[in-house]
């Protein structure tokens, strides 16, 4: 069984009628998965509530304590409080692209819990898990949200995973069309985490040069030219990404699964097809048995939902 972490509460992060990162993205994915031929092999799970009582989670550690500890390991309390206050005062913007609505703070915390639960599920079951949550996270810096992202979900999950028994090294693969600048900034100093990103260049946020290696030779970036197709991606996976991670030997591979490199996507200029993500998933299976996928970008409902189906279909 493949675990799916999802809650309708993720729809309450209200970015406005015309914002590309909106609730319709998740509705399209959920609808497509429930119609997939293997839908009965999915184990739908609701993320741990952010106001859980001790009995709801691990012995000796409340869910609330787990969340606070994981969040503050990445984001200073002053930044977290600033986001909370902005939401509770009626909302606003962290930058011109990044909306905070009245419910966004709680929704963003629930998204973190979903990613943390995802880590726990993979370690408990040994089977892949997919987190269908929003807001996304890979652009969020320690003290600043940007690029639709409030908190750094993937980086938080990676650091949390390293506190779990038997996890000494974590890999993060970011195949979103935009460079995961926040994730890289938050993990590149840690020798226990390896980060790799394929992203369109030049494209927002303008980071992720191919000569960046991290402090421990633990970063690998592949800027892709506009129009790139599967034929451009495959040699990179086969000759560089898979060997890079295999040499690192991660105990868990986290995938920042953005689907905006699709040809149909309105925010980018790459030319992947939804079925290509099934092939990417196969490469992930060569890297590590423990796989956690978490949603990042992807703004064409049809291409997005078909791509998630292709990813999970490969896992099933």
C-alpha atoms as a PDB file:
ATOM      1  CA  UNK A   1       0.000   0.000   0.000  1.00  0.00           C
ATOM      2  CA  UNK A   2       1.111   3.525  -0.778  1.00  0.00           C
ATOM      3  CA  UNK A   3       0.262   6.032   1.964  1.00  0.00           C
ATOM      4  CA  UNK A   4      -1.269   9.343   0.864  1.00  0.00           C
ATOM      5  CA  UNK A   5      -1.302  12.196   3.379  1.00  0.00           C
ATOM      6  CA  UNK A   6      -4.035  14.698   2.622  1.00  0.00           C
ATOM      7  CA  UNK A   7      -6.613  16.916   4.342  1.00  0.00           C
ATOM      8  CA  UNK A   8      -9.379  19.129   2.963  1.00  0.00           C
ATOM      9  CA  UNK A   9      -8.010  21.769   5.358  1.00  0.00           C
ATOM     10  CA  UNK A  10      -5.221  22.379   2.844  1.00  0.00           C
ATOM     11  CA  UNK A  11      -7.873  24.029   0.681  1.00  0.00           C
ATOM     12  CA  UNK A  12      -8.276  26.780   3.327  1.00  0.00           C
ATOM     13  CA  UNK A  13      -4.998  28.505   2.390  1.00  0.00           C
ATOM     14  CA  UNK A  14      -6.743  31.175   0.304  1.00  0.00           C
ATOM     15  CA  UNK A  15      -4.416  32.842  -2.210  1.00  0.00           C
ATOM     16  CA  UNK A  16      -7.173  34.597  -4.168  1.00  0.00           C
ATOM     17  CA  UNK A  17      -9.067  33.942  -7.384  1.00  0.00           C
ATOM     18  CA  UNK A  18      -6.239  34.450  -9.852  1.00  0.00           C
ATOM     19  CA  UNK A  19      -3.236  33.068  -7.984  1.00  0.00           C
ATOM     20  CA  UNK A  20      -1.687  30.026  -9.720  1.00  0.00           C
ATOM     21  CA  UNK A  21      -1.027  28.254  -6.391  1.00  0.00           C
ATOM     22  CA  UNK A  22      -4.643  27.636  -5.406  1.00  0.00           C
ATOM     23  CA  UNK A  23      -6.905  25.003  -3.892  1.00  0.00           C
ATOM     24  CA  UNK A  24      -7.980  23.695  -7.295  1.00  0.00           C
ATOM     25  CA  UNK A  25      -4.572  22.060  -7.668  1.00  0.00           C
ATOM     26  CA  UNK A  26      -5.254  19.660  -4.815  1.00  0.00           C
ATOM     27  CA  UNK A  27      -8.850  19.011  -5.853  1.00  0.00           C
ATOM     28  CA  UNK A  28      -7.618  17.948  -9.313  1.00  0.00           C
ATOM     29  CA  UNK A  29      -4.994  15.593  -7.858  1.00  0.00           C
ATOM     30  CA  UNK A  30      -7.390  13.964  -5.379  1.00  0.00           C
ATOM     31  CA  UNK A  31     -10.038  13.470  -8.063  1.00  0.00           C
ATOM     32  CA  UNK A  32      -7.544  11.887 -10.460  1.00  0.00           C
ATOM     33  CA  UNK A  33      -6.152   9.527  -7.821  1.00  0.00           C
ATOM     34  CA  UNK A  34      -9.620   8.346  -6.806  1.00  0.00           C
ATOM     35  CA  UNK A  35     -10.316   7.452 -10.424  1.00  0.00           C
ATOM     36  CA  UNK A  36      -7.003   5.653 -11.013  1.00  0.00           C
ATOM     37  CA  UNK A  37      -7.303   1.901 -11.753  1.00  0.00           C
ATOM     38  CA  UNK A  38      -5.231   1.085  -8.647  1.00  0.00           C
ATOM     39  CA  UNK A  39      -7.055   3.526  -6.319  1.00  0.00           C
ATOM     40  CA  UNK A  40      -7.836   0.681  -3.885  1.00  0.00           C
ATOM     41  CA  UNK A  41      -4.091   0.292  -3.231  1.00  0.00           C
ATOM     42  CA  UNK A  42      -3.842   3.776  -1.696  1.00  0.00           C
ATOM     43  CA  UNK A  43      -3.949   4.236   2.066  1.00  0.00           C
ATOM     44  CA  UNK A  44      -5.424   7.715   2.592  1.00  0.00           C
ATOM     45  CA  UNK A  45      -4.340   9.256   5.886  1.00  0.00           C
ATOM     46  CA  UNK A  46      -5.155  12.548   7.563  1.00  0.00           C
ATOM     47  CA  UNK A  47      -2.143  14.442   8.926  1.00  0.00           C
ATOM     48  CA  UNK A  48      -1.702  14.761  12.665  1.00  0.00           C
ATOM     49  CA  UNK A  49      -3.790  17.715  13.829  1.00  0.00           C
ATOM     50  CA  UNK A  50      -1.766  20.707  15.002  1.00  0.00           C
ATOM     51  CA  UNK A  51      -3.585  20.752  18.348  1.00  0.00           C
ATOM     52  CA  UNK A  52      -3.171  17.041  19.034  1.00  0.00           C
ATOM     53  CA  UNK A  53      -3.060  15.606  22.521  1.00  0.00           C
ATOM     54  CA  UNK A  54      -0.145  13.419  23.665  1.00  0.00           C
ATOM     55  CA  UNK A  55      -2.027  10.177  23.020  1.00  0.00           C
ATOM     56  CA  UNK A  56      -2.330  11.083  19.347  1.00  0.00           C
ATOM     57  CA  UNK A  57       1.345  10.598  18.653  1.00  0.00           C
ATOM     58  CA  UNK A  58       4.615   9.150  19.853  1.00  0.00           C
ATOM     59  CA  UNK A  59       5.110   7.930  23.381  1.00  0.00           C
ATOM     60  CA  UNK A  60       6.895  10.570  25.432  1.00  0.00           C
ATOM     61  CA  UNK A  61       6.640  13.261  22.782  1.00  0.00           C
ATOM     62  CA  UNK A  62       3.465  15.144  21.976  1.00  0.00           C
ATOM     63  CA  UNK A  63       2.617  15.921  18.387  1.00  0.00           C
ATOM     64  CA  UNK A  64       2.674  19.590  19.324  1.00  0.00           C
ATOM     65  CA  UNK A  65       6.212  19.275  20.691  1.00  0.00           C
ATOM     66  CA  UNK A  66       7.330  17.354  17.597  1.00  0.00           C
ATOM     67  CA  UNK A  67       6.007  20.112  15.347  1.00  0.00           C
ATOM     68  CA  UNK A  68       7.496  22.973  17.361  1.00  0.00           C
ATOM     69  CA  UNK A  69      10.880  21.289  17.610  1.00  0.00           C
ATOM     70  CA  UNK A  70      11.028  20.475  13.887  1.00  0.00           C
ATOM     71  CA  UNK A  71       9.827  23.943  12.844  1.00  0.00           C
ATOM     72  CA  UNK A  72      12.230  25.847  15.112  1.00  0.00           C
ATOM     73  CA  UNK A  73      15.150  23.701  13.986  1.00  0.00           C
ATOM     74  CA  UNK A  74      14.809  25.533  10.649  1.00  0.00           C
ATOM     75  CA  UNK A  75      12.899  28.792  11.218  1.00  0.00           C
ATOM     76  CA  UNK A  76      13.632  31.209  14.090  1.00  0.00           C
ATOM     77  CA  UNK A  77      10.667  31.726  16.443  1.00  0.00           C
ATOM     78  CA  UNK A  78      10.515  35.428  15.481  1.00  0.00           C
ATOM     79  CA  UNK A  79       9.802  34.574  11.829  1.00  0.00           C
ATOM     80  CA  UNK A  80       7.209  31.933  12.755  1.00  0.00           C
ATOM     81  CA  UNK A  81       5.491  34.458  15.031  1.00  0.00           C
ATOM     82  CA  UNK A  82       5.511  37.092  12.274  1.00  0.00           C
ATOM     83  CA  UNK A  83       3.682  34.707   9.927  1.00  0.00           C
ATOM     84  CA  UNK A  84       1.200  33.847  12.686  1.00  0.00           C
ATOM     85  CA  UNK A  85       0.497  37.501  13.422  1.00  0.00           C
ATOM     86  CA  UNK A  86       0.072  38.368   9.740  1.00  0.00           C
ATOM     87  CA  UNK A  87      -2.492  35.567   9.328  1.00  0.00           C
ATOM     88  CA  UNK A  88      -4.358  36.350  12.532  1.00  0.00           C
ATOM     89  CA  UNK A  89      -4.562  40.061  11.694  1.00  0.00           C
ATOM     90  CA  UNK A  90      -6.479  39.216   8.514  1.00  0.00           C
ATOM     91  CA  UNK A  91      -3.666  38.243   6.167  1.00  0.00           C
ATOM     92  CA  UNK A  92      -1.385  39.987   3.720  1.00  0.00           C
ATOM     93  CA  UNK A  93       1.693  39.189   1.649  1.00  0.00           C
ATOM     94  CA  UNK A  94       5.233  38.108   2.487  1.00  0.00           C
ATOM     95  CA  UNK A  95       6.246  39.261  -0.985  1.00  0.00           C
ATOM     96  CA  UNK A  96       4.292  40.096  -4.130  1.00  0.00           C
ATOM     97  CA  UNK A  97       3.785  36.372  -4.936  1.00  0.00           C
ATOM     98  CA  UNK A  98       3.384  34.919  -1.455  1.00  0.00           C
ATOM     99  CA  UNK A  99      -0.060  35.319   0.082  1.00  0.00           C
ATOM    100  CA  UNK A 100      -0.962  34.770   3.733  1.00  0.00           C
ATOM    101  CA  UNK A 101      -4.703  34.432   4.352  1.00  0.00           C
ATOM    102  CA  UNK A 102      -6.403  34.249   7.785  1.00  0.00           C
ATOM    103  CA  UNK A 103      -6.098  30.434   7.842  1.00  0.00           C
ATOM    104  CA  UNK A 104      -2.687  30.165   6.160  1.00  0.00           C
ATOM    105  CA  UNK A 105      -0.637  29.860   9.343  1.00  0.00           C
ATOM    106  CA  UNK A 106      -2.573  26.860  10.642  1.00  0.00           C
ATOM    107  CA  UNK A 107      -2.683  25.296   7.171  1.00  0.00           C
ATOM    108  CA  UNK A 108       1.091  25.714   6.773  1.00  0.00           C
ATOM    109  CA  UNK A 109       1.668  24.054  10.152  1.00  0.00           C
ATOM    110  CA  UNK A 110      -0.634  21.198   9.121  1.00  0.00           C
ATOM    111  CA  UNK A 111       1.413  20.851   5.918  1.00  0.00           C
ATOM    112  CA  UNK A 112       4.572  20.486   8.018  1.00  0.00           C
ATOM    113  CA  UNK A 113       2.831  17.833  10.122  1.00  0.00           C
ATOM    114  CA  UNK A 114       1.908  16.007   6.909  1.00  0.00           C
ATOM    115  CA  UNK A 115       5.567  15.956   5.826  1.00  0.00           C
ATOM    116  CA  UNK A 116       6.658  14.802   9.312  1.00  0.00           C
ATOM    117  CA  UNK A 117       3.954  12.118   9.295  1.00  0.00           C
ATOM    118  CA  UNK A 118       5.238  11.157   5.857  1.00  0.00           C
ATOM    119  CA  UNK A 119       8.703  10.535   7.270  1.00  0.00           C
ATOM    120  CA  UNK A 120       7.176   8.448  10.064  1.00  0.00           C
ATOM    121  CA  UNK A 121       5.037   6.423   7.625  1.00  0.00           C
ATOM    122  CA  UNK A 122       7.983   5.576   5.379  1.00  0.00           C
ATOM    123  CA  UNK A 123      10.088   4.490   8.358  1.00  0.00           C
ATOM    124  CA  UNK A 124       7.245   2.483   9.919  1.00  0.00           C
ATOM    125  CA  UNK A 125       6.011   0.717   6.789  1.00  0.00           C
ATOM    126  CA  UNK A 126       9.020   0.710   4.462  1.00  0.00           C
ATOM    127  CA  UNK A 127       6.625   1.719   1.684  1.00  0.00           C
ATOM    128  CA  UNK A 128       6.610   5.000  -0.271  1.00  0.00           C
ATOM    129  CA  UNK A 129       4.439   7.866   0.904  1.00  0.00           C
ATOM    130  CA  UNK A 130       3.106  10.882  -1.014  1.00  0.00           C
ATOM    131  CA  UNK A 131       2.219  14.141   0.770  1.00  0.00           C
ATOM    132  CA  UNK A 132      -0.488  16.130  -1.039  1.00  0.00           C
ATOM    133  CA  UNK A 133      -0.271  19.402   0.871  1.00  0.00           C
ATOM    134  CA  UNK A 134      -0.032  23.120   0.386  1.00  0.00           C
ATOM    135  CA  UNK A 135       1.404  25.699   0.692  1.00  0.00           C
ATOM    136  CA  UNK A 136       4.583  24.396  -0.950  1.00  0.00           C
ATOM    137  CA  UNK A 137       7.928  24.992   0.747  1.00  0.00           C
ATOM    138  CA  UNK A 138      11.111  24.755  -1.296  1.00  0.00           C
ATOM    139  CA  UNK A 139      11.636  28.525  -1.762  1.00  0.00           C
ATOM    140  CA  UNK A 140      11.185  29.430   1.916  1.00  0.00           C
ATOM    141  CA  UNK A 141      14.351  30.665   3.603  1.00  0.00           C
ATOM    142  CA  UNK A 142      14.996  30.507   7.339  1.00  0.00           C
ATOM    143  CA  UNK A 143      13.758  34.050   7.974  1.00  0.00           C
ATOM    144  CA  UNK A 144      11.737  34.774   4.841  1.00  0.00           C
ATOM    145  CA  UNK A 145       8.904  33.194   2.899  1.00  0.00           C
ATOM    146  CA  UNK A 146       8.932  33.667  -0.871  1.00  0.00           C
ATOM    147  CA  UNK A 147       7.794  32.071  -4.121  1.00  0.00           C
ATOM    148  CA  UNK A 148       4.385  30.901  -2.757  1.00  0.00           C
ATOM    149  CA  UNK A 149       6.181  29.215   0.193  1.00  0.00           C
ATOM    150  CA  UNK A 150       5.799  30.007   3.916  1.00  0.00           C
ATOM    151  CA  UNK A 151       7.819  27.273   5.637  1.00  0.00           C
ATOM    152  CA  UNK A 152      10.509  24.965   4.259  1.00  0.00           C
ATOM    153  CA  UNK A 153       8.660  21.628   4.290  1.00  0.00           C
ATOM    154  CA  UNK A 154      11.336  19.443   2.649  1.00  0.00           C
ATOM    155  CA  UNK A 155      14.220  20.834   4.695  1.00  0.00           C
ATOM    156  CA  UNK A 156      12.179  20.503   7.905  1.00  0.00           C
ATOM    157  CA  UNK A 157      11.343  16.882   7.023  1.00  0.00           C
ATOM    158  CA  UNK A 158      14.996  16.081   6.247  1.00  0.00           C
ATOM    159  CA  UNK A 159      16.285  17.474   9.524  1.00  0.00           C
ATOM    160  CA  UNK A 160      13.486  15.700  11.399  1.00  0.00           C
ATOM    161  CA  UNK A 161      14.333  12.397   9.685  1.00  0.00           C
ATOM    162  CA  UNK A 162      17.921  12.652  10.963  1.00  0.00           C
ATOM    163  CA  UNK A 163      16.589  12.579  14.543  1.00  0.00           C
ATOM    164  CA  UNK A 164      14.972   9.187  13.918  1.00  0.00           C
ATOM    165  CA  UNK A 165      16.662   5.842  14.710  1.00  0.00           C
ATOM    166  CA  UNK A 166      18.589   4.326  11.813  1.00  0.00           C
ATOM    167  CA  UNK A 167      18.617   7.489   9.697  1.00  0.00           C
ATOM    168  CA  UNK A 168      22.154   8.837   9.255  1.00  0.00           C
ATOM    169  CA  UNK A 169      21.912  10.341   5.764  1.00  0.00           C
ATOM    170  CA  UNK A 170      19.020  11.916   3.848  1.00  0.00           C
ATOM    171  CA  UNK A 171      18.890  12.761   0.148  1.00  0.00           C
ATOM    172  CA  UNK A 172      16.629  15.452  -1.322  1.00  0.00           C
ATOM    173  CA  UNK A 173      15.815  15.426  -5.036  1.00  0.00           C
ATOM    174  CA  UNK A 174      14.001  18.535  -6.290  1.00  0.00           C
ATOM    175  CA  UNK A 175      12.530  18.121  -9.776  1.00  0.00           C
ATOM    176  CA  UNK A 176      10.324  21.236  -9.621  1.00  0.00           C
ATOM    177  CA  UNK A 177      10.948  23.573 -12.578  1.00  0.00           C
ATOM    178  CA  UNK A 178      12.160  26.276 -10.167  1.00  0.00           C
ATOM    179  CA  UNK A 179      15.346  25.868  -8.142  1.00  0.00           C
ATOM    180  CA  UNK A 180      14.711  24.967  -4.499  1.00  0.00           C
ATOM    181  CA  UNK A 181      16.791  27.861  -3.215  1.00  0.00           C
ATOM    182  CA  UNK A 182      15.350  27.668   0.286  1.00  0.00           C
ATOM    183  CA  UNK A 183      15.942  23.943   0.640  1.00  0.00           C
ATOM    184  CA  UNK A 184      19.514  24.234  -0.617  1.00  0.00           C
ATOM    185  CA  UNK A 185      20.312  27.139   1.708  1.00  0.00           C
ATOM    186  CA  UNK A 186      18.945  25.211   4.695  1.00  0.00           C
ATOM    187  CA  UNK A 187      20.744  21.902   4.063  1.00  0.00           C
ATOM    188  CA  UNK A 188      24.007  22.651   2.219  1.00  0.00           C
ATOM    189  CA  UNK A 189      25.971  23.086   5.456  1.00  0.00           C
ATOM    190  CA  UNK A 190      24.899  19.654   6.752  1.00  0.00           C
ATOM    191  CA  UNK A 191      27.155  16.743   5.713  1.00  0.00           C
ATOM    192  CA  UNK A 192      24.302  14.303   6.463  1.00  0.00           C
ATOM    193  CA  UNK A 193      22.045  15.758   3.755  1.00  0.00           C
ATOM    194  CA  UNK A 194      22.624  15.702  -0.022  1.00  0.00           C
ATOM    195  CA  UNK A 195      20.586  17.982  -2.292  1.00  0.00           C
ATOM    196  CA  UNK A 196      20.067  17.779  -6.037  1.00  0.00           C
ATOM    197  CA  UNK A 197      17.904  20.020  -8.236  1.00  0.00           C
ATOM    198  CA  UNK A 198      16.965  20.084 -11.912  1.00  0.00           C
ATOM    199  CA  UNK A 199      15.405  23.410 -12.875  1.00  0.00           C
ATOM    200  CA  UNK A 200      14.847  25.723 -15.783  1.00  0.00           C
ATOM    201  CA  UNK A 201      17.453  28.465 -16.186  1.00  0.00           C
ATOM    202  CA  UNK A 202      17.117  31.388 -16.393  1.00  0.00           C
ATOM    203  CA  UNK A 203      13.941  31.239 -14.322  1.00  0.00           C
ATOM    204  CA  UNK A 204      12.739  32.336 -10.873  1.00  0.00           C
ATOM    205  CA  UNK A 205      14.434  32.609  -8.371  1.00  0.00           C
ATOM    206  CA  UNK A 206      17.672  32.896 -10.364  1.00  0.00           C
ATOM    207  CA  UNK A 207      19.704  30.561  -8.133  1.00  0.00           C
ATOM    208  CA  UNK A 208      21.081  27.035  -8.544  1.00  0.00           C
ATOM    209  CA  UNK A 209      24.212  27.383 -10.653  1.00  0.00           C
ATOM    210  CA  UNK A 210      25.919  24.223 -11.829  1.00  0.00           C
ATOM    211  CA  UNK A 211      29.182  25.125 -10.046  1.00  0.00           C
ATOM    212  CA  UNK A 212      27.573  25.116  -6.582  1.00  0.00           C
ATOM    213  CA  UNK A 213      28.691  22.090  -4.560  1.00  0.00           C
ATOM    214  CA  UNK A 214      27.729  22.858  -0.960  1.00  0.00           C
ATOM    215  CA  UNK A 215      30.131  22.801   1.965  1.00  0.00           C
ATOM    216  CA  UNK A 216      30.567  19.035   1.835  1.00  0.00           C
ATOM    217  CA  UNK A 217      30.306  18.318  -1.898  1.00  0.00           C
ATOM    218  CA  UNK A 218      26.673  17.542  -1.084  1.00  0.00           C
ATOM    219  CA  UNK A 219      24.921  19.790  -3.639  1.00  0.00           C
ATOM    220  CA  UNK A 220      24.315  19.104  -7.326  1.00  0.00           C
ATOM    221  CA  UNK A 221      22.420  21.527  -9.593  1.00  0.00           C
ATOM    222  CA  UNK A 222      21.350  21.033 -13.197  1.00  0.00           C
ATOM    223  CA  UNK A 223      20.092  24.217 -14.880  1.00  0.00           C
ATOM    224  CA  UNK A 224      17.956  23.100 -17.849  1.00  0.00           C
ATOM    225  CA  UNK A 225      17.403  25.129 -21.008  1.00  0.00           C
ATOM    226  CA  UNK A 226      13.928  26.140 -22.153  1.00  0.00           C
ATOM    227  CA  UNK A 227      12.369  23.418 -24.283  1.00  0.00           C
ATOM    228  CA  UNK A 228      14.196  20.549 -22.547  1.00  0.00           C
ATOM    229  CA  UNK A 229      12.472  17.165 -22.864  1.00  0.00           C
ATOM    230  CA  UNK A 230      12.808  13.711 -21.342  1.00  0.00           C
ATOM    231  CA  UNK A 231      15.685  13.068 -23.768  1.00  0.00           C
ATOM    232  CA  UNK A 232      17.618  15.873 -22.035  1.00  0.00           C
ATOM    233  CA  UNK A 233      16.762  14.687 -18.532  1.00  0.00           C
ATOM    234  CA  UNK A 234      17.480  10.959 -18.857  1.00  0.00           C
ATOM    235  CA  UNK A 235      21.267  11.118 -19.390  1.00  0.00           C
ATOM    236  CA  UNK A 236      21.531  13.466 -16.396  1.00  0.00           C
ATOM    237  CA  UNK A 237      19.615  11.035 -14.186  1.00  0.00           C
ATOM    238  CA  UNK A 238      21.538   8.003 -15.422  1.00  0.00           C
ATOM    239  CA  UNK A 239      25.054   9.434 -15.553  1.00  0.00           C
ATOM    240  CA  UNK A 240      25.017  11.939 -12.696  1.00  0.00           C
ATOM    241  CA  UNK A 241      22.028  12.024 -10.330  1.00  0.00           C
ATOM    242  CA  UNK A 242      21.653   8.301  -9.633  1.00  0.00           C
ATOM    243  CA  UNK A 243      25.451   7.801  -9.166  1.00  0.00           C
ATOM    244  CA  UNK A 244      25.651  10.939  -6.961  1.00  0.00           C
ATOM    245  CA  UNK A 245      22.983   9.661  -4.582  1.00  0.00           C
ATOM    246  CA  UNK A 246      24.142   6.036  -4.724  1.00  0.00           C
ATOM    247  CA  UNK A 247      27.609   7.166  -3.615  1.00  0.00           C
ATOM    248  CA  UNK A 248      26.014   9.165  -0.784  1.00  0.00           C
ATOM    249  CA  UNK A 249      23.881   6.141   0.266  1.00  0.00           C
ATOM    250  CA  UNK A 250      20.876   7.942   1.780  1.00  0.00           C
ATOM    251  CA  UNK A 251      18.724   6.080   4.303  1.00  0.00           C
ATOM    252  CA  UNK A 252      15.746   8.111   3.033  1.00  0.00           C
ATOM    253  CA  UNK A 253      15.156   9.966  -0.236  1.00  0.00           C
ATOM    254  CA  UNK A 254      12.811  12.965  -0.084  1.00  0.00           C
ATOM    255  CA  UNK A 255      11.477  14.186  -3.428  1.00  0.00           C
ATOM    256  CA  UNK A 256      10.354  17.790  -3.759  1.00  0.00           C
ATOM    257  CA  UNK A 257       7.818  16.788  -6.371  1.00  0.00           C
ATOM    258  CA  UNK A 258       6.938  19.849  -8.408  1.00  0.00           C
ATOM    259  CA  UNK A 259       5.203  19.239 -11.730  1.00  0.00           C
ATOM    260  CA  UNK A 260       5.634  22.614 -13.414  1.00  0.00           C
ATOM    261  CA  UNK A 261       8.265  21.355 -15.889  1.00  0.00           C
ATOM    262  CA  UNK A 262       5.341  19.989 -17.908  1.00  0.00           C
ATOM    263  CA  UNK A 263       4.980  21.456 -21.389  1.00  0.00           C
ATOM    264  CA  UNK A 264       1.410  22.475 -20.502  1.00  0.00           C
ATOM    265  CA  UNK A 265       2.419  24.446 -17.409  1.00  0.00           C
ATOM    266  CA  UNK A 266       1.776  28.210 -17.647  1.00  0.00           C
ATOM    267  CA  UNK A 267       4.687  29.290 -15.413  1.00  0.00           C
ATOM    268  CA  UNK A 268       7.635  27.711 -17.227  1.00  0.00           C
ATOM    269  CA  UNK A 269       9.070  26.693 -20.574  1.00  0.00           C
ATOM    270  CA  UNK A 270      10.210  23.075 -20.297  1.00  0.00           C
ATOM    271  CA  UNK A 271       8.639  20.304 -22.347  1.00  0.00           C
ATOM    272  CA  UNK A 272       8.112  17.272 -20.145  1.00  0.00           C
ATOM    273  CA  UNK A 273       5.008  15.089 -20.360  1.00  0.00           C
ATOM    274  CA  UNK A 274       3.112  13.695 -17.347  1.00  0.00           C
ATOM    275  CA  UNK A 275       4.266  10.136 -18.148  1.00  0.00           C
ATOM    276  CA  UNK A 276       7.898  11.256 -17.819  1.00  0.00           C
ATOM    277  CA  UNK A 277       7.459  11.512 -14.056  1.00  0.00           C
ATOM    278  CA  UNK A 278       6.876   7.777 -13.883  1.00  0.00           C
ATOM    279  CA  UNK A 279      10.352   7.339 -15.399  1.00  0.00           C
ATOM    280  CA  UNK A 280      11.827   9.810 -12.885  1.00  0.00           C
ATOM    281  CA  UNK A 281      10.206   7.764 -10.125  1.00  0.00           C
ATOM    282  CA  UNK A 282      11.905   4.630 -11.422  1.00  0.00           C
ATOM    283  CA  UNK A 283      15.260   6.375 -11.050  1.00  0.00           C
ATOM    284  CA  UNK A 284      14.336   7.242  -7.457  1.00  0.00           C
ATOM    285  CA  UNK A 285      13.700   3.553  -6.796  1.00  0.00           C
ATOM    286  CA  UNK A 286      17.270   2.818  -7.919  1.00  0.00           C
ATOM    287  CA  UNK A 287      18.575   5.268  -5.309  1.00  0.00           C
ATOM    288  CA  UNK A 288      16.764   4.224  -2.147  1.00  0.00           C
ATOM    289  CA  UNK A 289      14.013   1.896  -0.890  1.00  0.00           C
ATOM    290  CA  UNK A 290      12.610   4.517   1.478  1.00  0.00           C
ATOM    291  CA  UNK A 291      10.898   7.214  -0.575  1.00  0.00           C
ATOM    292  CA  UNK A 292       8.916  10.261   0.544  1.00  0.00           C
ATOM    293  CA  UNK A 293       7.312  12.470  -2.116  1.00  0.00           C
ATOM    294  CA  UNK A 294       5.901  15.883  -1.253  1.00  0.00           C
ATOM    295  CA  UNK A 295       4.042  18.230  -3.571  1.00  0.00           C
ATOM    296  CA  UNK A 296       5.691  21.478  -4.617  1.00  0.00           C
ATOM    297  CA  UNK A 297       4.666  23.307  -7.838  1.00  0.00           C
ATOM    298  CA  UNK A 298       2.563  22.428 -10.880  1.00  0.00           C
ATOM    299  CA  UNK A 299      -0.124  24.806 -12.104  1.00  0.00           C
ATOM    300  CA  UNK A 300      -1.929  23.200 -15.030  1.00  0.00           C
ATOM    301  CA  UNK A 301      -4.588  21.063 -13.332  1.00  0.00           C
ATOM    302  CA  UNK A 302      -4.656  18.340 -15.980  1.00  0.00           C
ATOM    303  CA  UNK A 303      -0.876  18.006 -16.393  1.00  0.00           C
ATOM    304  CA  UNK A 304      -0.375  18.219 -12.626  1.00  0.00           C
ATOM    305  CA  UNK A 305      -2.899  15.535 -11.730  1.00  0.00           C
ATOM    306  CA  UNK A 306      -1.774  13.209 -14.548  1.00  0.00           C
ATOM    307  CA  UNK A 307       1.849  13.614 -13.401  1.00  0.00           C
ATOM    308  CA  UNK A 308       1.012  12.690  -9.807  1.00  0.00           C
ATOM    309  CA  UNK A 309      -0.891   9.662 -11.130  1.00  0.00           C
ATOM    310  CA  UNK A 310       2.174   8.697 -13.191  1.00  0.00           C
ATOM    311  CA  UNK A 311       4.422   9.028 -10.123  1.00  0.00           C
ATOM    312  CA  UNK A 312       2.233   7.003  -7.781  1.00  0.00           C
ATOM    313  CA  UNK A 313       1.323   4.517 -10.509  1.00  0.00           C
ATOM    314  CA  UNK A 314       5.002   3.604 -10.777  1.00  0.00           C
ATOM    315  CA  UNK A 315       5.197   3.103  -7.000  1.00  0.00           C
ATOM    316  CA  UNK A 316       2.068   0.926  -6.992  1.00  0.00           C
END
